[in-house]
PDB file of N, CA and C in Angstrom:
ATOM      1  N   UNK A   1      73.139  98.286  72.904  1.00  0.00           N
ATOM      2  CA  UNK A   1      74.360  97.617  73.290  1.00  0.00           C
ATOM      3  C   UNK A   1      74.945  96.862  72.092  1.00  0.00           C
ATOM      4  N   UNK A   2      76.196  96.552  72.166  1.00  0.00           N
ATOM      5  CA  UNK A   2      76.861  95.910  71.039  1.00  0.00           C
ATOM      6  C   UNK A   2      76.357  94.497  70.781  1.00  0.00           C
ATOM      7  N   UNK A   3      75.705  93.859  71.768  1.00  0.00           N
ATOM      8  CA  UNK A   3      75.215  92.492  71.568  1.00  0.00           C
ATOM      9  C   UNK A   3      73.726  92.463  71.210  1.00  0.00           C
ATOM     10  N   UNK A   4      73.104  93.630  71.043  1.00  0.00           N
ATOM     11  CA  UNK A   4      71.697  93.660  70.647  1.00  0.00           C
ATOM     12  C   UNK A   4      71.520  93.066  69.257  1.00  0.00           C
ATOM     13  N   UNK A   5      70.385  92.434  69.056  1.00  0.00           N
ATOM     14  CA  UNK A   5      70.039  91.880  67.753  1.00  0.00           C
ATOM     15  C   UNK A   5      69.596  93.026  66.855  1.00  0.00           C
ATOM     16  N   UNK A   6      70.136  93.083  65.623  1.00  0.00           N
ATOM     17  CA  UNK A   6      69.708  94.131  64.695  1.00  0.00           C
ATOM     18  C   UNK A   6      68.882  93.567  63.542  1.00  0.00           C
ATOM     19  N   UNK A   7      69.015  92.263  63.251  1.00  0.00           N
ATOM     20  CA  UNK A   7      68.254  91.622  62.182  1.00  0.00           C
ATOM     21  C   UNK A   7      67.889  90.217  62.622  1.00  0.00           C
ATOM     22  N   UNK A   8      66.645  89.824  62.354  1.00  0.00           N
ATOM     23  CA  UNK A   8      66.229  88.442  62.594  1.00  0.00           C
ATOM     24  C   UNK A   8      65.283  88.037  61.475  1.00  0.00           C
ATOM     25  N   UNK A   9      65.478  86.834  60.950  1.00  0.00           N
ATOM     26  CA  UNK A   9      64.624  86.308  59.880  1.00  0.00           C
ATOM     27  C   UNK A   9      64.300  84.850  60.173  1.00  0.00           C
ATOM     28  N   UNK A  10      63.031  84.473  60.028  1.00  0.00           N
ATOM     29  CA  UNK A  10      62.692  83.063  60.216  1.00  0.00           C
ATOM     30  C   UNK A  10      63.254  82.223  59.080  1.00  0.00           C
ATOM     31  N   UNK A  11      63.697  81.018  59.408  1.00  0.00           N
ATOM     32  CA  UNK A  11      64.217  80.063  58.433  1.00  0.00           C
ATOM     33  C   UNK A  11      63.416  78.769  58.556  1.00  0.00           C
ATOM     34  N   UNK A  12      63.543  77.885  57.582  1.00  0.00           N
ATOM     35  CA  UNK A  12      62.867  76.580  57.702  1.00  0.00           C
ATOM     36  C   UNK A  12      63.365  75.794  58.910  1.00  0.00           C
ATOM     37  N   UNK A  13      62.574  74.839  59.326  1.00  0.00           N
ATOM     38  CA  UNK A  13      62.943  73.887  60.372  1.00  0.00           C
ATOM     39  C   UNK A  13      63.171  74.560  61.731  1.00  0.00           C
ATOM     40  N   UNK A  14      62.379  75.594  62.027  1.00  0.00           N
ATOM     41  CA  UNK A  14      62.391  76.266  63.324  1.00  0.00           C
ATOM     42  C   UNK A  14      63.748  76.843  63.703  1.00  0.00           C
ATOM     43  N   UNK A  15      64.400  77.427  62.711  1.00  0.00           N
ATOM     44  CA  UNK A  15      65.648  78.146  62.935  1.00  0.00           C
ATOM     45  C   UNK A  15      65.432  79.613  62.593  1.00  0.00           C
ATOM     46  N   UNK A  16      66.286  80.477  63.130  1.00  0.00           N
ATOM     47  CA  UNK A  16      66.245  81.885  62.784  1.00  0.00           C
ATOM     48  C   UNK A  16      67.651  82.348  62.405  1.00  0.00           C
ATOM     49  N   UNK A  17      67.706  83.247  61.438  1.00  0.00           N
ATOM     50  CA  UNK A  17      68.957  83.912  61.071  1.00  0.00           C
ATOM     51  C   UNK A  17      69.042  85.188  61.910  1.00  0.00           C
ATOM     52  N   UNK A  18      70.199  85.423  62.512  1.00  0.00           N
ATOM     53  CA  UNK A  18      70.365  86.548  63.422  1.00  0.00           C
ATOM     54  C   UNK A  18      71.615  87.329  63.063  1.00  0.00           C
ATOM     55  N   UNK A  19      71.495  88.667  63.088  1.00  0.00           N
ATOM     56  CA  UNK A  19      72.657  89.546  62.993  1.00  0.00           C
ATOM     57  C   UNK A  19      72.699  90.372  64.272  1.00  0.00           C
ATOM     58  N   UNK A  20      73.882  90.420  64.892  1.00  0.00           N
ATOM     59  CA  UNK A  20      74.088  91.152  66.138  1.00  0.00           C
ATOM     60  C   UNK A  20      74.746  92.498  65.812  1.00  0.00           C
ATOM     61  N   UNK A  21      74.502  93.511  66.648  1.00  0.00           N
ATOM     62  CA  UNK A  21      75.057  94.858  66.418  1.00  0.00           C
ATOM     63  C   UNK A  21      76.571  94.852  66.236  1.00  0.00           C
ATOM     64  N   UNK A  22      77.271  93.924  66.886  1.00  0.00           N
ATOM     65  CA  UNK A  22      78.740  93.915  66.784  1.00  0.00           C
ATOM     66  C   UNK A  22      79.242  93.239  65.505  1.00  0.00           C
ATOM     67  N   UNK A  23      78.311  92.831  64.618  1.00  0.00           N
ATOM     68  CA  UNK A  23      78.702  92.263  63.334  1.00  0.00           C
ATOM     69  C   UNK A  23      78.617  90.752  63.251  1.00  0.00           C
ATOM     70  N   UNK A  24      78.442  90.067  64.359  1.00  0.00           N
ATOM     71  CA  UNK A  24      78.316  88.609  64.308  1.00  0.00           C
ATOM     72  C   UNK A  24      76.992  88.219  63.666  1.00  0.00           C
ATOM     73  N   UNK A  25      77.043  87.132  62.907  1.00  0.00           N
ATOM     74  CA  UNK A  25      75.866  86.609  62.212  1.00  0.00           C
ATOM     75  C   UNK A  25      75.831  85.108  62.394  1.00  0.00           C
ATOM     76  N   UNK A  26      74.624  84.553  62.479  1.00  0.00           N
ATOM     77  CA  UNK A  26      74.542  83.112  62.621  1.00  0.00           C
ATOM     78  C   UNK A  26      73.124  82.607  62.588  1.00  0.00           C
ATOM     79  N   UNK A  27      72.999  81.312  62.811  1.00  0.00           N
ATOM     80  CA  UNK A  27      71.704  80.643  62.817  1.00  0.00           C
ATOM     81  C   UNK A  27      71.485  80.036  64.194  1.00  0.00           C
ATOM     82  N   UNK A  28      70.295  80.278  64.737  1.00  0.00           N
ATOM     83  CA  UNK A  28      69.907  79.773  66.050  1.00  0.00           C
ATOM     84  C   UNK A  28      68.775  78.773  65.857  1.00  0.00           C
ATOM     85  N   UNK A  29      68.950  77.586  66.403  1.00  0.00           N
ATOM     86  CA  UNK A  29      67.972  76.500  66.273  1.00  0.00           C
ATOM     87  C   UNK A  29      67.049  76.518  67.491  1.00  0.00           C
ATOM     88  N   UNK A  30      65.751  76.723  67.245  1.00  0.00           N
ATOM     89  CA  UNK A  30      64.794  76.758  68.351  1.00  0.00           C
ATOM     90  C   UNK A  30      64.163  75.409  68.658  1.00  0.00           C
ATOM     91  N   UNK A  31      64.459  74.371  67.870  1.00  0.00           N
ATOM     92  CA  UNK A  31      63.819  73.067  68.109  1.00  0.00           C
ATOM     93  C   UNK A  31      63.983  72.568  69.547  1.00  0.00           C
ATOM     94  N   UNK A  32      65.147  72.738  70.198  1.00  0.00           N
ATOM     95  CA  UNK A  32      65.265  72.246  71.577  1.00  0.00           C
ATOM     96  C   UNK A  32      64.323  72.943  72.566  1.00  0.00           C
ATOM     97  N   UNK A  33      63.787  74.098  72.190  1.00  0.00           N
ATOM     98  CA  UNK A  33      62.930  74.875  73.085  1.00  0.00           C
ATOM     99  C   UNK A  33      61.436  74.600  72.886  1.00  0.00           C
ATOM    100  N   UNK A  34      61.059  73.971  71.787  1.00  0.00           N
ATOM    101  CA  UNK A  34      59.651  73.896  71.378  1.00  0.00           C
ATOM    102  C   UNK A  34      58.761  73.054  72.280  1.00  0.00           C
ATOM    103  N   UNK A  35      59.314  72.254  73.158  1.00  0.00           N
ATOM    104  CA  UNK A  35      58.506  71.439  74.069  1.00  0.00           C
ATOM    105  C   UNK A  35      58.449  72.030  75.472  1.00  0.00           C
ATOM    106  N   UNK A  36      58.883  73.269  75.633  1.00  0.00           N
ATOM    107  CA  UNK A  36      58.979  73.858  76.965  1.00  0.00           C
ATOM    108  C   UNK A  36      58.097  75.097  77.113  1.00  0.00           C
ATOM    109  N   UNK A  37      57.167  75.054  78.050  1.00  0.00           N
ATOM    110  CA  UNK A  37      56.385  76.218  78.458  1.00  0.00           C
ATOM    111  C   UNK A  37      55.841  77.054  77.328  1.00  0.00           C
ATOM    112  N   UNK A  38      56.097  78.361  77.412  1.00  0.00           N
ATOM    113  CA  UNK A  38      55.533  79.300  76.445  1.00  0.00           C
ATOM    114  C   UNK A  38      56.052  79.083  75.032  1.00  0.00           C
ATOM    115  N   UNK A  39      57.173  78.381  74.895  1.00  0.00           N
ATOM    116  CA  UNK A  39      57.741  78.165  73.561  1.00  0.00           C
ATOM    117  C   UNK A  39      56.960  77.144  72.745  1.00  0.00           C
ATOM    118  N   UNK A  40      56.064  76.388  73.362  1.00  0.00           N
ATOM    119  CA  UNK A  40      55.255  75.416  72.610  1.00  0.00           C
ATOM    120  C   UNK A  40      54.461  76.092  71.490  1.00  0.00           C
ATOM    121  N   UNK A  41      54.044  77.331  71.730  1.00  0.00           N
ATOM    122  CA  UNK A  41      53.268  78.067  70.720  1.00  0.00           C
ATOM    123  C   UNK A  41      54.071  78.273  69.433  1.00  0.00           C
ATOM    124  N   UNK A  42      55.393  78.261  69.525  1.00  0.00           N
ATOM    125  CA  UNK A  42      56.236  78.470  68.347  1.00  0.00           C
ATOM    126  C   UNK A  42      56.199  77.285  67.386  1.00  0.00           C
ATOM    127  N   UNK A  43      55.624  76.167  67.794  1.00  0.00           N
ATOM    128  CA  UNK A  43      55.507  75.014  66.891  1.00  0.00           C
ATOM    129  C   UNK A  43      54.565  75.309  65.733  1.00  0.00           C
ATOM    130  N   UNK A  44      53.734  76.334  65.871  1.00  0.00           N
ATOM    131  CA  UNK A  44      52.868  76.787  64.781  1.00  0.00           C
ATOM    132  C   UNK A  44      53.741  77.637  63.845  1.00  0.00           C
ATOM    133  N   UNK A  45      53.989  77.143  62.640  1.00  0.00           N
ATOM    134  CA  UNK A  45      54.919  77.810  61.719  1.00  0.00           C
ATOM    135  C   UNK A  45      54.471  79.229  61.398  1.00  0.00           C
ATOM    136  N   UNK A  46      53.167  79.437  61.218  1.00  0.00           N
ATOM    137  CA  UNK A  46      52.673  80.793  60.925  1.00  0.00           C
ATOM    138  C   UNK A  46      53.038  81.749  62.062  1.00  0.00           C
ATOM    139  N   UNK A  47      52.857  81.301  63.290  1.00  0.00           N
ATOM    140  CA  UNK A  47      53.205  82.128  64.446  1.00  0.00           C
ATOM    141  C   UNK A  47      54.726  82.277  64.565  1.00  0.00           C
ATOM    142  N   UNK A  48      55.460  81.202  64.375  1.00  0.00           N
ATOM    143  CA  UNK A  48      56.926  81.233  64.424  1.00  0.00           C
ATOM    144  C   UNK A  48      57.479  82.300  63.480  1.00  0.00           C
ATOM    145  N   UNK A  49      56.872  82.408  62.302  1.00  0.00           N
ATOM    146  CA  UNK A  49      57.344  83.347  61.284  1.00  0.00           C
ATOM    147  C   UNK A  49      57.075  84.807  61.630  1.00  0.00           C
ATOM    148  N   UNK A  50      56.378  85.080  62.742  1.00  0.00           N
ATOM    149  CA  UNK A  50      56.109  86.446  63.184  1.00  0.00           C
ATOM    150  C   UNK A  50      57.226  86.985  64.083  1.00  0.00           C
ATOM    151  N   UNK A  51      58.361  86.334  64.071  1.00  0.00           N
ATOM    152  CA  UNK A  51      59.502  86.736  64.889  1.00  0.00           C
ATOM    153  C   UNK A  51      59.894  88.187  64.597  1.00  0.00           C
ATOM    154  N   UNK A  52      60.320  88.889  65.634  1.00  0.00           N
ATOM    155  CA  UNK A  52      60.743  90.276  65.489  1.00  0.00           C
ATOM    156  C   UNK A  52      61.784  90.623  66.542  1.00  0.00           C
ATOM    157  N   UNK A  53      62.038  91.917  66.693  1.00  0.00           N
ATOM    158  CA  UNK A  53      63.026  92.404  67.652  1.00  0.00           C
ATOM    159  C   UNK A  53      62.371  93.461  68.535  1.00  0.00           C
ATOM    160  N   UNK A  54      62.560  93.343  69.831  1.00  0.00           N
ATOM    161  CA  UNK A  54      62.082  94.336  70.782  1.00  0.00           C
ATOM    162  C   UNK A  54      63.173  94.557  71.823  1.00  0.00           C
ATOM    163  N   UNK A  55      63.632  95.796  71.946  1.00  0.00           N
ATOM    164  CA  UNK A  55      64.689  96.143  72.899  1.00  0.00           C
ATOM    165  C   UNK A  55      65.925  95.253  72.751  1.00  0.00           C
ATOM    166  N   UNK A  56      66.277  94.939  71.510  1.00  0.00           N
ATOM    167  CA  UNK A  56      67.494  94.183  71.234  1.00  0.00           C
ATOM    168  C   UNK A  56      67.384  92.683  71.392  1.00  0.00           C
ATOM    169  N   UNK A  57      66.189  92.186  71.740  1.00  0.00           N
ATOM    170  CA  UNK A  57      65.991  90.745  71.916  1.00  0.00           C
ATOM    171  C   UNK A  57      65.061  90.205  70.828  1.00  0.00           C
ATOM    172  N   UNK A  58      65.244  88.937  70.478  1.00  0.00           N
ATOM    173  CA  UNK A  58      64.354  88.253  69.539  1.00  0.00           C
ATOM    174  C   UNK A  58      63.049  87.960  70.276  1.00  0.00           C
ATOM    175  N   UNK A  59      61.924  88.364  69.687  1.00  0.00           N
ATOM    176  CA  UNK A  59      60.631  88.207  70.351  1.00  0.00           C
ATOM    177  C   UNK A  59      59.549  87.750  69.381  1.00  0.00           C
ATOM    178  N   UNK A  60      58.454  87.277  69.961  1.00  0.00           N
ATOM    179  CA  UNK A  60      57.230  86.955  69.230  1.00  0.00           C
ATOM    180  C   UNK A  60      56.086  87.721  69.867  1.00  0.00           C
ATOM    181  N   UNK A  61      54.938  87.847  69.170  1.00  0.00           N
ATOM    182  CA  UNK A  61      53.836  88.684  69.662  1.00  0.00           C
ATOM    183  C   UNK A  61      53.319  88.341  71.063  1.00  0.00           C
ATOM    184  N   UNK A  62      53.354  87.098  71.467  1.00  0.00           N
ATOM    185  CA  UNK A  62      52.821  86.726  72.780  1.00  0.00           C
ATOM    186  C   UNK A  62      53.896  86.681  73.858  1.00  0.00           C
ATOM    187  N   UNK A  63      54.930  87.488  73.679  1.00  0.00           N
ATOM    188  CA  UNK A  63      55.965  87.743  74.670  1.00  0.00           C
ATOM    189  C   UNK A  63      56.999  86.640  74.859  1.00  0.00           C
ATOM    190  N   UNK A  64      57.061  85.661  73.964  1.00  0.00           N
ATOM    191  CA  UNK A  64      58.196  84.745  74.000  1.00  0.00           C
ATOM    192  C   UNK A  64      59.421  85.552  73.559  1.00  0.00           C
ATOM    193  N   UNK A  65      60.554  85.267  74.150  1.00  0.00           N
ATOM    194  CA  UNK A  65      61.766  85.955  73.710  1.00  0.00           C
ATOM    195  C   UNK A  65      62.998  85.082  73.956  1.00  0.00           C
ATOM    196  N   UNK A  66      64.029  85.397  73.202  1.00  0.00           N
ATOM    197  CA  UNK A  66      65.332  84.767  73.360  1.00  0.00           C
ATOM    198  C   UNK A  66      66.306  85.904  73.660  1.00  0.00           C
ATOM    199  N   UNK A  67      66.931  85.854  74.803  1.00  0.00           N
ATOM    200  CA  UNK A  67      67.868  86.914  75.184  1.00  0.00           C
ATOM    201  C   UNK A  67      69.099  86.889  74.282  1.00  0.00           C
ATOM    202  N   UNK A  68      69.674  88.063  74.013  1.00  0.00           N
ATOM    203  CA  UNK A  68      70.885  88.102  73.183  1.00  0.00           C
ATOM    204  C   UNK A  68      72.008  87.210  73.717  1.00  0.00           C
ATOM    205  N   UNK A  69      72.134  87.096  75.034  1.00  0.00           N
ATOM    206  CA  UNK A  69      73.202  86.251  75.601  1.00  0.00           C
ATOM    207  C   UNK A  69      73.014  84.794  75.203  1.00  0.00           C
ATOM    208  N   UNK A  70      71.755  84.340  75.180  1.00  0.00           N
ATOM    209  CA  UNK A  70      71.461  82.962  74.782  1.00  0.00           C
ATOM    210  C   UNK A  70      71.757  82.772  73.304  1.00  0.00           C
ATOM    211  N   UNK A  71      71.360  83.732  72.489  1.00  0.00           N
ATOM    212  CA  UNK A  71      71.653  83.651  71.054  1.00  0.00           C
ATOM    213  C   UNK A  71      73.151  83.525  70.820  1.00  0.00           C
ATOM    214  N   UNK A  72      73.913  84.378  71.484  1.00  0.00           N
ATOM    215  CA  UNK A  72      75.360  84.384  71.263  1.00  0.00           C
ATOM    216  C   UNK A  72      76.013  83.082  71.698  1.00  0.00           C
ATOM    217  N   UNK A  73      75.513  82.480  72.758  1.00  0.00           N
ATOM    218  CA  UNK A  73      76.152  81.254  73.240  1.00  0.00           C
ATOM    219  C   UNK A  73      75.747  80.021  72.442  1.00  0.00           C
ATOM    220  N   UNK A  74      74.583  80.066  71.775  1.00  0.00           N
ATOM    221  CA  UNK A  74      74.084  78.866  71.101  1.00  0.00           C
ATOM    222  C   UNK A  74      73.987  78.957  69.582  1.00  0.00           C
ATOM    223  N   UNK A  75      74.129  80.151  69.019  1.00  0.00           N
ATOM    224  CA  UNK A  75      73.981  80.219  67.560  1.00  0.00           C
ATOM    225  C   UNK A  75      75.220  79.680  66.864  1.00  0.00           C
ATOM    226  N   UNK A  76      75.007  79.178  65.663  1.00  0.00           N
ATOM    227  CA  UNK A  76      76.101  78.665  64.842  1.00  0.00           C
ATOM    228  C   UNK A  76      76.527  79.804  63.922  1.00  0.00           C
ATOM    229  N   UNK A  77      77.768  80.288  64.043  1.00  0.00           N
ATOM    230  CA  UNK A  77      78.228  81.392  63.204  1.00  0.00           C
ATOM    231  C   UNK A  77      78.148  81.067  61.722  1.00  0.00           C
ATOM    232  N   UNK A  78      77.904  82.086  60.909  1.00  0.00           N
ATOM    233  CA  UNK A  78      77.761  81.890  59.464  1.00  0.00           C
ATOM    234  C   UNK A  78      79.005  81.242  58.855  1.00  0.00           C
ATOM    235  N   UNK A  79      80.186  81.570  59.299  1.00  0.00           N
ATOM    236  CA  UNK A  79      81.404  80.955  58.783  1.00  0.00           C
ATOM    237  C   UNK A  79      81.434  79.456  58.998  1.00  0.00           C
ATOM    238  N   UNK A  80      80.946  79.013  60.140  1.00  0.00           N
ATOM    239  CA  UNK A  80      80.916  77.575  60.439  1.00  0.00           C
ATOM    240  C   UNK A  80      79.904  76.853  59.565  1.00  0.00           C
ATOM    241  N   UNK A  81      78.799  77.535  59.235  1.00  0.00           N
ATOM    242  CA  UNK A  81      77.769  76.928  58.384  1.00  0.00           C
ATOM    243  C   UNK A  81      78.306  76.789  56.958  1.00  0.00           C
ATOM    244  N   UNK A  82      78.976  77.817  56.477  1.00  0.00           N
ATOM    245  CA  UNK A  82      79.504  77.790  55.111  1.00  0.00           C
ATOM    246  C   UNK A  82      80.553  76.701  54.932  1.00  0.00           C
ATOM    247  N   UNK A  83      81.222  76.343  56.006  1.00  0.00           N
ATOM    248  CA  UNK A  83      82.277  75.335  55.925  1.00  0.00           C
ATOM    249  C   UNK A  83      81.728  73.909  55.790  1.00  0.00           C
ATOM    250  N   UNK A  84      80.446  73.714  56.073  1.00  0.00           N
ATOM    251  CA  UNK A  84      79.872  72.362  56.026  1.00  0.00           C
ATOM    252  C   UNK A  84      79.566  71.950  54.640  1.00  0.00           C
TER     253      UNK A  84
END
């Protein structure tokens, strides 16, 4: 689908760089999620850095995932970051 994630890279401070199939790019901050349920495991930086893509969603080995819809609604577009 056009909103599937095609690239994801871990960044410092529990953020990820994301590129979507439709060309949008941005940074998604996972810090607000780190105290909730299965996302607590992501506080381990080594584990956090194992981020990948499965079926168009951002995932980690133990089945944590961020749906593309959530990424699109909460990520900061690259243009907005460059303007700061």
